Amino acid sequence: MPKEYRSGNFSEEHPGFSEGNSTIERYANAYERGWLIAVENYAENIDFDDPSPLVMSGWPEEALGGGVGYADGRDRIEKLIRKFGKEKVSTCLRQYSSSYAGQH
């Protein structure tokens, strides 16, 4: 988590001022969404190969968090494939992705 987004304070300047709108929450939520996009891409096609960064719009912390989450997810999945093989990782990702469907 970048230092500048570790704040847990809500910003009264934010138009939707309420719980869940702190910079740390926006970064973490976007990171998780980016990670899940990587999982869904590989669950759909274990041979997925797109080294492009994920571009997410929103607040600066959301844009950064989504891109970092996607890259981290993609890198982790590639490491798991090298260690356990495509078939095993593909099965796990499909199970995870189907159990998570509709929750985001």
PDB file of N, CA and C in Angstrom:
ATOM      1  N   MET A   1       0.848  -1.165   0.000  1.00  0.00           N
ATOM      2  CA  MET A   1       0.000   0.000   0.000  1.00  0.00           C
ATOM      3  C   MET A   1       0.899   1.235   0.000  1.00  0.00           C
ATOM      4  N   PRO A   2       0.757   2.075  -1.014  1.00  0.00           N
ATOM      5  CA  PRO A   2       1.566   3.298  -1.039  1.00  0.00           C
ATOM      6  C   PRO A   2       1.281   4.180   0.177  1.00  0.00           C
ATOM      7  N   LYS A   3       2.315   4.793   0.686  1.00  0.00           N
ATOM      8  CA  LYS A   3       2.217   5.607   1.896  1.00  0.00           C
ATOM      9  C   LYS A   3       1.141   6.683   1.794  1.00  0.00           C
ATOM     10  N   GLU A   4       1.032   7.313   0.619  1.00  0.00           N
ATOM     11  CA  GLU A   4       0.083   8.422   0.485  1.00  0.00           C
ATOM     12  C   GLU A   4      -1.380   7.989   0.540  1.00  0.00           C
ATOM     13  N   TYR A   5      -1.636   6.677   0.446  1.00  0.00           N
ATOM     14  CA  TYR A   5      -3.020   6.191   0.474  1.00  0.00           C
ATOM     15  C   TYR A   5      -3.337   5.406   1.750  1.00  0.00           C
ATOM     16  N   ARG A   6      -2.497   5.505   2.741  1.00  0.00           N
ATOM     17  CA  ARG A   6      -2.715   4.758   3.984  1.00  0.00           C
ATOM     18  C   ARG A   6      -3.626   5.477   4.972  1.00  0.00           C
ATOM     19  N   SER A   7      -4.158   6.596   4.572  1.00  0.00           N
ATOM     20  CA  SER A   7      -5.020   7.370   5.457  1.00  0.00           C
ATOM     21  C   SER A   7      -6.367   6.691   5.614  1.00  0.00           C
ATOM     22  N   GLY A   8      -6.835   6.612   6.833  1.00  0.00           N
ATOM     23  CA  GLY A   8      -8.147   6.037   7.084  1.00  0.00           C
ATOM     24  C   GLY A   8      -9.208   7.097   7.321  1.00  0.00           C
ATOM     25  N   ASN A   9      -8.821   8.368   7.202  1.00  0.00           N
ATOM     26  CA  ASN A   9      -9.770   9.449   7.456  1.00  0.00           C
ATOM     27  C   ASN A   9     -10.676   9.664   6.260  1.00  0.00           C
ATOM     28  N   PHE A  10     -11.925   9.965   6.529  1.00  0.00           N
ATOM     29  CA  PHE A  10     -12.864  10.288   5.465  1.00  0.00           C
ATOM     30  C   PHE A  10     -12.620  11.735   5.043  1.00  0.00           C
ATOM     31  N   SER A  11     -12.804  12.003   3.781  1.00  0.00           N
ATOM     32  CA  SER A  11     -12.610  13.344   3.276  1.00  0.00           C
ATOM     33  C   SER A  11     -13.957  14.031   3.098  1.00  0.00           C
ATOM     34  N   GLU A  12     -14.182  15.111   3.816  1.00  0.00           N
ATOM     35  CA  GLU A  12     -15.439  15.842   3.697  1.00  0.00           C
ATOM     36  C   GLU A  12     -15.564  16.514   2.334  1.00  0.00           C
ATOM     37  N   GLU A  13     -14.448  16.598   1.607  1.00  0.00           N
ATOM     38  CA  GLU A  13     -14.478  17.192   0.271  1.00  0.00           C
ATOM     39  C   GLU A  13     -14.965  16.191  -0.766  1.00  0.00           C
ATOM     40  N   HIS A  14     -15.009  14.932  -0.409  1.00  0.00           N
ATOM     41  CA  HIS A  14     -15.471  13.897  -1.335  1.00  0.00           C
ATOM     42  C   HIS A  14     -16.986  14.017  -1.486  1.00  0.00           C
ATOM     43  N   PRO A  15     -17.500  14.056  -2.735  1.00  0.00           N
ATOM     44  CA  PRO A  15     -18.939  14.247  -2.929  1.00  0.00           C
ATOM     45  C   PRO A  15     -19.804  13.178  -2.278  1.00  0.00           C
ATOM     46  N   GLY A  16     -19.302  11.983  -2.129  1.00  0.00           N
ATOM     47  CA  GLY A  16     -20.068  10.910  -1.498  1.00  0.00           C
ATOM     48  C   GLY A  16     -19.586  10.633  -0.100  1.00  0.00           C
ATOM     49  N   PHE A  17     -19.275  11.693   0.651  1.00  0.00           N
ATOM     50  CA  PHE A  17     -18.703  11.564   1.990  1.00  0.00           C
ATOM     51  C   PHE A  17     -19.503  10.584   2.842  1.00  0.00           C
ATOM     52  N   SER A  18     -18.894   9.468   3.143  1.00  0.00           N
ATOM     53  CA  SER A  18     -19.506   8.461   4.000  1.00  0.00           C
ATOM     54  C   SER A  18     -18.476   7.378   4.273  1.00  0.00           C
ATOM     55  N   GLU A  19     -18.834   6.471   5.140  1.00  0.00           N
ATOM     56  CA  GLU A  19     -17.942   5.351   5.430  1.00  0.00           C
ATOM     57  C   GLU A  19     -17.686   4.587   4.138  1.00  0.00           C
ATOM     58  N   GLY A  20     -16.462   4.183   3.922  1.00  0.00           N
ATOM     59  CA  GLY A  20     -16.096   3.464   2.708  1.00  0.00           C
ATOM     60  C   GLY A  20     -15.451   4.364   1.674  1.00  0.00           C
ATOM     61  N   ASN A  21     -15.366   5.646   1.961  1.00  0.00           N
ATOM     62  CA  ASN A  21     -14.794   6.576   0.997  1.00  0.00           C
ATOM     63  C   ASN A  21     -13.431   7.114   1.410  1.00  0.00           C
ATOM     64  N   SER A  22     -12.743   6.447   2.297  1.00  0.00           N
ATOM     65  CA  SER A  22     -11.395   6.894   2.653  1.00  0.00           C
ATOM     66  C   SER A  22     -10.435   6.430   1.567  1.00  0.00           C
ATOM     67  N   THR A  23      -9.302   7.087   1.477  1.00  0.00           N
ATOM     68  CA  THR A  23      -8.332   6.736   0.443  1.00  0.00           C
ATOM     69  C   THR A  23      -7.861   5.287   0.582  1.00  0.00           C
ATOM     70  N   ILE A  24      -7.658   4.831   1.805  1.00  0.00           N
ATOM     71  CA  ILE A  24      -7.178   3.460   1.999  1.00  0.00           C
ATOM     72  C   ILE A  24      -8.230   2.455   1.531  1.00  0.00           C
ATOM     73  N   GLU A  25      -9.498   2.738   1.796  1.00  0.00           N
ATOM     74  CA  GLU A  25     -10.558   1.821   1.366  1.00  0.00           C
ATOM     75  C   GLU A  25     -10.715   1.829  -0.152  1.00  0.00           C
ATOM     76  N   ARG A  26     -10.618   3.000  -0.757  1.00  0.00           N
ATOM     77  CA  ARG A  26     -10.737   3.066  -2.216  1.00  0.00           C
ATOM     78  C   ARG A  26      -9.584   2.318  -2.878  1.00  0.00           C
ATOM     79  N   TYR A  27      -8.366   2.487  -2.364  1.00  0.00           N
ATOM     80  CA  TYR A  27      -7.216   1.777  -2.917  1.00  0.00           C
ATOM     81  C   TYR A  27      -7.400   0.265  -2.760  1.00  0.00           C
ATOM     82  N   ALA A  28      -7.734  -0.175  -1.560  1.00  0.00           N
ATOM     83  CA  ALA A  28      -7.862  -1.616  -1.285  1.00  0.00           C
ATOM     84  C   ALA A  28      -8.985  -2.245  -2.103  1.00  0.00           C
ATOM     85  N   ASN A  29     -10.120  -1.565  -2.235  1.00  0.00           N
ATOM     86  CA  ASN A  29     -11.225  -2.102  -3.030  1.00  0.00           C
ATOM     87  C   ASN A  29     -10.853  -2.208  -4.505  1.00  0.00           C
ATOM     88  N   ALA A  30     -10.170  -1.204  -5.027  1.00  0.00           N
ATOM     89  CA  ALA A  30      -9.750  -1.237  -6.426  1.00  0.00           C
ATOM     90  C   ALA A  30      -8.688  -2.316  -6.636  1.00  0.00           C
ATOM     91  N   TYR A  31      -7.781  -2.476  -5.669  1.00  0.00           N
ATOM     92  CA  TYR A  31      -6.759  -3.522  -5.753  1.00  0.00           C
ATOM     93  C   TYR A  31      -7.439  -4.889  -5.869  1.00  0.00           C
ATOM     94  N   GLU A  32      -8.426  -5.108  -5.034  1.00  0.00           N
ATOM     95  CA  GLU A  32      -9.146  -6.386  -5.059  1.00  0.00           C
ATOM     96  C   GLU A  32      -9.875  -6.596  -6.391  1.00  0.00           C
ATOM     97  N   ARG A  33     -10.488  -5.538  -6.920  1.00  0.00           N
ATOM     98  CA  ARG A  33     -11.163  -5.650  -8.213  1.00  0.00           C
ATOM     99  C   ARG A  33     -10.165  -5.979  -9.309  1.00  0.00           C
ATOM    100  N   GLY A  34      -8.996  -5.330  -9.288  1.00  0.00           N
ATOM    101  CA  GLY A  34      -7.954  -5.615 -10.284  1.00  0.00           C
ATOM    102  C   GLY A  34      -7.483  -7.055 -10.200  1.00  0.00           C
ATOM    103  N   TRP A  35      -7.277  -7.540  -8.979  1.00  0.00           N
ATOM    104  CA  TRP A  35      -6.855  -8.925  -8.754  1.00  0.00           C
ATOM    105  C   TRP A  35      -7.903  -9.884  -9.323  1.00  0.00           C
ATOM    106  N   LEU A  36      -9.164  -9.611  -9.052  1.00  0.00           N
ATOM    107  CA  LEU A  36     -10.248 -10.469  -9.512  1.00  0.00           C
ATOM    108  C   LEU A  36     -10.344 -10.474 -11.041  1.00  0.00           C
ATOM    109  N   ILE A  37     -10.083  -9.358 -11.673  1.00  0.00           N
ATOM    110  CA  ILE A  37     -10.092  -9.320 -13.141  1.00  0.00           C
ATOM    111  C   ILE A  37      -9.024 -10.262 -13.692  1.00  0.00           C
ATOM    112  N   ALA A  38      -7.861 -10.280 -13.078  1.00  0.00           N
ATOM    113  CA  ALA A  38      -6.803 -11.207 -13.505  1.00  0.00           C
ATOM    114  C   ALA A  38      -7.260 -12.652 -13.320  1.00  0.00           C
ATOM    115  N   VAL A  39      -7.858 -12.955 -12.181  1.00  0.00           N
ATOM    116  CA  VAL A  39      -8.351 -14.312 -11.917  1.00  0.00           C
ATOM    117  C   VAL A  39      -9.385 -14.710 -12.963  1.00  0.00           C
ATOM    118  N   GLU A  40     -10.318 -13.822 -13.256  1.00  0.00           N
ATOM    119  CA  GLU A  40     -11.361 -14.133 -14.231  1.00  0.00           C
ATOM    120  C   GLU A  40     -10.782 -14.352 -15.624  1.00  0.00           C
ATOM    121  N   ASN A  41      -9.777 -13.562 -15.996  1.00  0.00           N
ATOM    122  CA  ASN A  41      -9.143 -13.744 -17.309  1.00  0.00           C
ATOM    123  C   ASN A  41      -8.494 -15.117 -17.425  1.00  0.00           C
ATOM    124  N   TYR A  42      -7.766 -15.515 -16.400  1.00  0.00           N
ATOM    125  CA  TYR A  42      -7.096 -16.822 -16.433  1.00  0.00           C
ATOM    126  C   TYR A  42      -8.079 -17.971 -16.225  1.00  0.00           C
ATOM    127  N   ALA A  43      -9.147 -17.747 -15.480  1.00  0.00           N
ATOM    128  CA  ALA A  43     -10.156 -18.795 -15.299  1.00  0.00           C
ATOM    129  C   ALA A  43     -10.840 -19.098 -16.628  1.00  0.00           C
ATOM    130  N   GLU A  44     -11.044 -18.062 -17.414  1.00  0.00           N
ATOM    131  CA  GLU A  44     -11.678 -18.225 -18.724  1.00  0.00           C
ATOM    132  C   GLU A  44     -10.727 -18.865 -19.726  1.00  0.00           C
ATOM    133  N   ASN A  45      -9.436 -18.526 -19.628  1.00  0.00           N
ATOM    134  CA  ASN A  45      -8.440 -19.048 -20.560  1.00  0.00           C
ATOM    135  C   ASN A  45      -7.098 -19.108 -19.847  1.00  0.00           C
ATOM    136  N   ILE A  46      -6.701 -20.301 -19.438  1.00  0.00           N
ATOM    137  CA  ILE A  46      -5.461 -20.468 -18.670  1.00  0.00           C
ATOM    138  C   ILE A  46      -4.236 -20.029 -19.474  1.00  0.00           C
ATOM    139  N   ASP A  47      -4.371 -19.961 -20.786  1.00  0.00           N
ATOM    140  CA  ASP A  47      -3.274 -19.494 -21.634  1.00  0.00           C
ATOM    141  C   ASP A  47      -3.326 -17.988 -21.862  1.00  0.00           C
ATOM    142  N   PHE A  48      -4.131 -17.303 -21.071  1.00  0.00           N
ATOM    143  CA  PHE A  48      -4.266 -15.850 -21.177  1.00  0.00           C
ATOM    144  C   PHE A  48      -2.886 -15.220 -21.136  1.00  0.00           C
ATOM    145  N   ASP A  49      -2.635 -14.331 -22.070  1.00  0.00           N
ATOM    146  CA  ASP A  49      -1.333 -13.679 -22.125  1.00  0.00           C
ATOM    147  C   ASP A  49      -1.518 -12.246 -22.597  1.00  0.00           C
ATOM    148  N   ASP A  50      -1.631 -11.355 -21.671  1.00  0.00           N
ATOM    149  CA  ASP A  50      -1.742  -9.937 -21.985  1.00  0.00           C
ATOM    150  C   ASP A  50      -0.965  -9.166 -20.939  1.00  0.00           C
ATOM    151  N   PRO A  51       0.275  -8.814 -21.256  1.00  0.00           N
ATOM    152  CA  PRO A  51       1.097  -8.100 -20.281  1.00  0.00           C
ATOM    153  C   PRO A  51       0.733  -6.627 -20.130  1.00  0.00           C
ATOM    154  N   SER A  52      -0.308  -6.184 -20.822  1.00  0.00           N
ATOM    155  CA  SER A  52      -0.709  -4.779 -20.728  1.00  0.00           C
ATOM    156  C   SER A  52      -1.194  -4.463 -19.321  1.00  0.00           C
ATOM    157  N   PRO A  53      -0.960  -3.242 -18.891  1.00  0.00           N
ATOM    158  CA  PRO A  53      -1.476  -2.862 -17.572  1.00  0.00           C
ATOM    159  C   PRO A  53      -2.988  -2.668 -17.630  1.00  0.00           C
ATOM    160  N   LEU A  54      -3.634  -2.887 -16.515  1.00  0.00           N
ATOM    161  CA  LEU A  54      -5.066  -2.616 -16.402  1.00  0.00           C
ATOM    162  C   LEU A  54      -5.239  -1.125 -16.147  1.00  0.00           C
ATOM    163  N   VAL A  55      -6.089  -0.501 -16.918  1.00  0.00           N
ATOM    164  CA  VAL A  55      -6.363   0.914 -16.727  1.00  0.00           C
ATOM    165  C   VAL A  55      -7.734   1.034 -16.085  1.00  0.00           C
ATOM    166  N   MET A  56      -7.754   1.513 -14.855  1.00  0.00           N
ATOM    167  CA  MET A  56      -9.000   1.672 -14.118  1.00  0.00           C
ATOM    168  C   MET A  56      -9.194   3.169 -13.874  1.00  0.00           C
ATOM    169  N   SER A  57     -10.400   3.636 -14.070  1.00  0.00           N
ATOM    170  CA  SER A  57     -10.658   5.054 -13.845  1.00  0.00           C
ATOM    171  C   SER A  57     -11.169   5.274 -12.425  1.00  0.00           C
ATOM    172  N   GLY A  58     -11.219   6.508 -12.035  1.00  0.00           N
ATOM    173  CA  GLY A  58     -11.686   6.859 -10.704  1.00  0.00           C
ATOM    174  C   GLY A  58     -10.703   7.784 -10.016  1.00  0.00           C
ATOM    175  N   TRP A  59     -10.772   7.801  -8.708  1.00  0.00           N
ATOM    176  CA  TRP A  59      -9.835   8.587  -7.914  1.00  0.00           C
ATOM    177  C   TRP A  59      -8.428   8.060  -8.176  1.00  0.00           C
ATOM    178  N   PRO A  60      -7.385   8.877  -7.963  1.00  0.00           N
ATOM    179  CA  PRO A  60      -6.016   8.413  -8.207  1.00  0.00           C
ATOM    180  C   PRO A  60      -5.690   7.110  -7.474  1.00  0.00           C
ATOM    181  N   GLU A  61      -6.164   6.995  -6.235  1.00  0.00           N
ATOM    182  CA  GLU A  61      -5.885   5.771  -5.475  1.00  0.00           C
ATOM    183  C   GLU A  61      -6.613   4.562  -6.071  1.00  0.00           C
ATOM    184  N   GLU A  62      -7.746   4.764  -6.699  1.00  0.00           N
ATOM    185  CA  GLU A  62      -8.468   3.663  -7.356  1.00  0.00           C
ATOM    186  C   GLU A  62      -7.752   3.252  -8.634  1.00  0.00           C
ATOM    187  N   ALA A  63      -7.326   4.239  -9.418  1.00  0.00           N
ATOM    188  CA  ALA A  63      -6.617   3.940 -10.660  1.00  0.00           C
ATOM    189  C   ALA A  63      -5.339   3.151 -10.368  1.00  0.00           C
ATOM    190  N   LEU A  64      -4.592   3.589  -9.376  1.00  0.00           N
ATOM    191  CA  LEU A  64      -3.352   2.900  -9.026  1.00  0.00           C
ATOM    192  C   LEU A  64      -3.642   1.533  -8.422  1.00  0.00           C
ATOM    193  N   GLY A  65      -4.562   1.472  -7.484  1.00  0.00           N
ATOM    194  CA  GLY A  65      -4.874   0.206  -6.819  1.00  0.00           C
ATOM    195  C   GLY A  65      -5.337  -0.869  -7.789  1.00  0.00           C
ATOM    196  N   GLY A  66      -6.194  -0.511  -8.733  1.00  0.00           N
ATOM    197  CA  GLY A  66      -6.674  -1.485  -9.708  1.00  0.00           C
ATOM    198  C   GLY A  66      -5.554  -2.028 -10.575  1.00  0.00           C
ATOM    199  N   GLY A  67      -4.680  -1.144 -11.029  1.00  0.00           N
ATOM    200  CA  GLY A  67      -3.556  -1.570 -11.865  1.00  0.00           C
ATOM    201  C   GLY A  67      -2.570  -2.448 -11.116  1.00  0.00           C
ATOM    202  N   VAL A  68      -2.282  -2.082  -9.878  1.00  0.00           N
ATOM    203  CA  VAL A  68      -1.340  -2.861  -9.062  1.00  0.00           C
ATOM    204  C   VAL A  68      -1.949  -4.222  -8.707  1.00  0.00           C
ATOM    205  N   GLY A  69      -3.221  -4.238  -8.357  1.00  0.00           N
ATOM    206  CA  GLY A  69      -3.891  -5.502  -8.038  1.00  0.00           C
ATOM    207  C   GLY A  69      -3.904  -6.450  -9.215  1.00  0.00           C
ATOM    208  N   TYR A  70      -4.181  -5.914 -10.399  1.00  0.00           N
ATOM    209  CA  TYR A  70      -4.197  -6.727 -11.614  1.00  0.00           C
ATOM    210  C   TYR A  70      -2.811  -7.304 -11.902  1.00  0.00           C
ATOM    211  N   ALA A  71      -1.791  -6.461 -11.843  1.00  0.00           N
ATOM    212  CA  ALA A  71      -0.417  -6.923 -12.106  1.00  0.00           C
ATOM    213  C   ALA A  71       0.020  -7.960 -11.077  1.00  0.00           C
ATOM    214  N   ASP A  72      -0.286  -7.723  -9.802  1.00  0.00           N
ATOM    215  CA  ASP A  72       0.075  -8.682  -8.753  1.00  0.00           C
ATOM    216  C   ASP A  72      -0.658 -10.008  -8.955  1.00  0.00           C
ATOM    217  N   GLY A  73      -1.940  -9.935  -9.296  1.00  0.00           N
ATOM    218  CA  GLY A  73      -2.713 -11.155  -9.533  1.00  0.00           C
ATOM    219  C   GLY A  73      -2.162 -11.942 -10.707  1.00  0.00           C
ATOM    220  N   ARG A  74      -1.895 -11.246 -11.789  1.00  0.00           N
ATOM    221  CA  ARG A  74      -1.342 -11.889 -12.987  1.00  0.00           C
ATOM    222  C   ARG A  74       0.012 -12.538 -12.676  1.00  0.00           C
ATOM    223  N   ASP A  75       0.868 -11.819 -11.954  1.00  0.00           N
ATOM    224  CA  ASP A  75       2.191 -12.366 -11.615  1.00  0.00           C
ATOM    225  C   ASP A  75       2.075 -13.594 -10.713  1.00  0.00           C
ATOM    226  N   ARG A  76       1.168 -13.537  -9.739  1.00  0.00           N
ATOM    227  CA  ARG A  76       0.995 -14.664  -8.821  1.00  0.00           C
ATOM    228  C   ARG A  76       0.469 -15.887  -9.562  1.00  0.00           C
ATOM    229  N   ILE A  77      -0.489 -15.684 -10.448  1.00  0.00           N
ATOM    230  CA  ILE A  77      -1.044 -16.804 -11.214  1.00  0.00           C
ATOM    231  C   ILE A  77       0.025 -17.424 -12.090  1.00  0.00           C
ATOM    232  N   GLU A  78       0.849 -16.609 -12.719  1.00  0.00           N
ATOM    233  CA  GLU A  78       1.944 -17.137 -13.550  1.00  0.00           C
ATOM    234  C   GLU A  78       2.913 -17.969 -12.704  1.00  0.00           C
ATOM    235  N   LYS A  79       3.203 -17.531 -11.488  1.00  0.00           N
ATOM    236  CA  LYS A  79       4.075 -18.301 -10.590  1.00  0.00           C
ATOM    237  C   LYS A  79       3.421 -19.625 -10.209  1.00  0.00           C
ATOM    238  N   LEU A  80       2.121 -19.601  -9.929  1.00  0.00           N
ATOM    239  CA  LEU A  80       1.406 -20.840  -9.589  1.00  0.00           C
ATOM    240  C   LEU A  80       1.401 -21.810 -10.758  1.00  0.00           C
ATOM    241  N   ILE A  81       1.251 -21.301 -11.969  1.00  0.00           N
ATOM    242  CA  ILE A  81       1.272 -22.158 -13.156  1.00  0.00           C
ATOM    243  C   ILE A  81       2.636 -22.827 -13.286  1.00  0.00           C
ATOM    244  N   ARG A  82       3.703 -22.070 -13.079  1.00  0.00           N
ATOM    245  CA  ARG A  82       5.045 -22.654 -13.171  1.00  0.00           C
ATOM    246  C   ARG A  82       5.263 -23.724 -12.104  1.00  0.00           C
ATOM    247  N   LYS A  83       4.688 -23.532 -10.935  1.00  0.00           N
ATOM    248  CA  LYS A  83       4.895 -24.477  -9.840  1.00  0.00           C
ATOM    249  C   LYS A  83       3.979 -25.695  -9.918  1.00  0.00           C
ATOM    250  N   PHE A  84       2.684 -25.485 -10.227  1.00  0.00           N
ATOM    251  CA  PHE A  84       1.712 -26.573 -10.156  1.00  0.00           C
ATOM    252  C   PHE A  84       1.175 -27.039 -11.507  1.00  0.00           C
ATOM    253  N   GLY A  85       1.449 -26.286 -12.561  1.00  0.00           N
ATOM    254  CA  GLY A  85       0.971 -26.666 -13.883  1.00  0.00           C
ATOM    255  C   GLY A  85      -0.366 -26.010 -14.221  1.00  0.00           C
ATOM    256  N   LYS A  86      -0.595 -25.891 -15.517  1.00  0.00           N
ATOM    257  CA  LYS A  86      -1.793 -25.206 -16.001  1.00  0.00           C
ATOM    258  C   LYS A  86      -3.079 -25.901 -15.594  1.00  0.00           C
ATOM    259  N   GLU A  87      -3.107 -27.221 -15.662  1.00  0.00           N
ATOM    260  CA  GLU A  87      -4.353 -27.939 -15.396  1.00  0.00           C
ATOM    261  C   GLU A  87      -4.843 -27.715 -13.963  1.00  0.00           C
ATOM    262  N   LYS A  88      -3.943 -27.868 -13.012  1.00  0.00           N
ATOM    263  CA  LYS A  88      -4.332 -27.715 -11.609  1.00  0.00           C
ATOM    264  C   LYS A  88      -4.743 -26.275 -11.301  1.00  0.00           C
ATOM    265  N   VAL A  89      -3.973 -25.319 -11.781  1.00  0.00           N
ATOM    266  CA  VAL A  89      -4.271 -23.914 -11.529  1.00  0.00           C
ATOM    267  C   VAL A  89      -5.577 -23.526 -12.225  1.00  0.00           C
ATOM    268  N   SER A  90      -5.776 -24.003 -13.426  1.00  0.00           N
ATOM    269  CA  SER A  90      -7.006 -23.712 -14.163  1.00  0.00           C
ATOM    270  C   SER A  90      -8.231 -24.194 -13.399  1.00  0.00           C
ATOM    271  N   THR A  91      -8.166 -25.400 -12.877  1.00  0.00           N
ATOM    272  CA  THR A  91      -9.275 -25.959 -12.098  1.00  0.00           C
ATOM    273  C   THR A  91      -9.570 -25.100 -10.872  1.00  0.00           C
ATOM    274  N   CYS A  92      -8.539 -24.726 -10.151  1.00  0.00           N
ATOM    275  CA  CYS A  92      -8.712 -23.896  -8.954  1.00  0.00           C
ATOM    276  C   CYS A  92      -9.298 -22.534  -9.292  1.00  0.00           C
ATOM    277  N   LEU A  93      -8.799 -21.911 -10.348  1.00  0.00           N
ATOM    278  CA  LEU A  93      -9.291 -20.592 -10.725  1.00  0.00           C
ATOM    279  C   LEU A  93     -10.748 -20.636 -11.164  1.00  0.00           C
ATOM    280  N   ARG A  94     -11.113 -21.661 -11.905  1.00  0.00           N
ATOM    281  CA  ARG A  94     -12.515 -21.790 -12.337  1.00  0.00           C
ATOM    282  C   ARG A  94     -13.423 -21.979 -11.128  1.00  0.00           C
ATOM    283  N   GLN A  95     -13.001 -22.797 -10.171  1.00  0.00           N
ATOM    284  CA  GLN A  95     -13.808 -23.002  -8.962  1.00  0.00           C
ATOM    285  C   GLN A  95     -13.938 -21.701  -8.173  1.00  0.00           C
ATOM    286  N   TYR A  96     -12.846 -21.001  -8.012  1.00  0.00           N
ATOM    287  CA  TYR A  96     -12.873 -19.748  -7.266  1.00  0.00           C
ATOM    288  C   TYR A  96     -13.738 -18.728  -7.998  1.00  0.00           C
ATOM    289  N   SER A  97     -13.519 -18.595  -9.287  1.00  0.00           N
ATOM    290  CA  SER A  97     -14.243 -17.606 -10.069  1.00  0.00           C
ATOM    291  C   SER A  97     -15.743 -17.872 -10.052  1.00  0.00           C
ATOM    292  N   SER A  98     -16.149 -19.134 -10.164  1.00  0.00           N
ATOM    293  CA  SER A  98     -17.577 -19.446 -10.163  1.00  0.00           C
ATOM    294  C   SER A  98     -18.195 -19.241  -8.773  1.00  0.00           C
ATOM    295  N   SER A  99     -17.423 -19.465  -7.722  1.00  0.00           N
ATOM    296  CA  SER A  99     -17.970 -19.261  -6.376  1.00  0.00           C
ATOM    297  C   SER A  99     -18.047 -17.773  -6.029  1.00  0.00           C
ATOM    298  N   TYR A 100     -17.262 -16.962  -6.705  1.00  0.00           N
ATOM    299  CA  TYR A 100     -17.214 -15.533  -6.447  1.00  0.00           C
ATOM    300  C   TYR A 100     -18.165 -14.763  -7.363  1.00  0.00           C
ATOM    301  N   ALA A 101     -18.669 -15.397  -8.409  1.00  0.00           N
ATOM    302  CA  ALA A 101     -19.523 -14.734  -9.400  1.00  0.00           C
ATOM    303  C   ALA A 101     -20.706 -14.069  -8.741  1.00  0.00           C
ATOM    304  N   GLY A 102     -20.968 -12.863  -9.179  1.00  0.00           N
ATOM    305  CA  GLY A 102     -22.109 -12.118  -8.678  1.00  0.00           C
ATOM    306  C   GLY A 102     -21.891 -11.413  -7.359  1.00  0.00           C
ATOM    307  N   GLN A 103     -20.730 -11.578  -6.747  1.00  0.00           N
ATOM    308  CA  GLN A 103     -20.461 -10.951  -5.451  1.00  0.00           C
ATOM    309  C   GLN A 103     -19.701  -9.641  -5.589  1.00  0.00           C
ATOM    310  N   HIS A 104     -19.386  -9.244  -6.809  1.00  0.00           N
ATOM    311  CA  HIS A 104     -18.629  -7.997  -6.985  1.00  0.00           C
ATOM    312  C   HIS A 104     -19.372  -7.039  -7.842  1.00  0.00           C
TER     313      HIS A 104
END
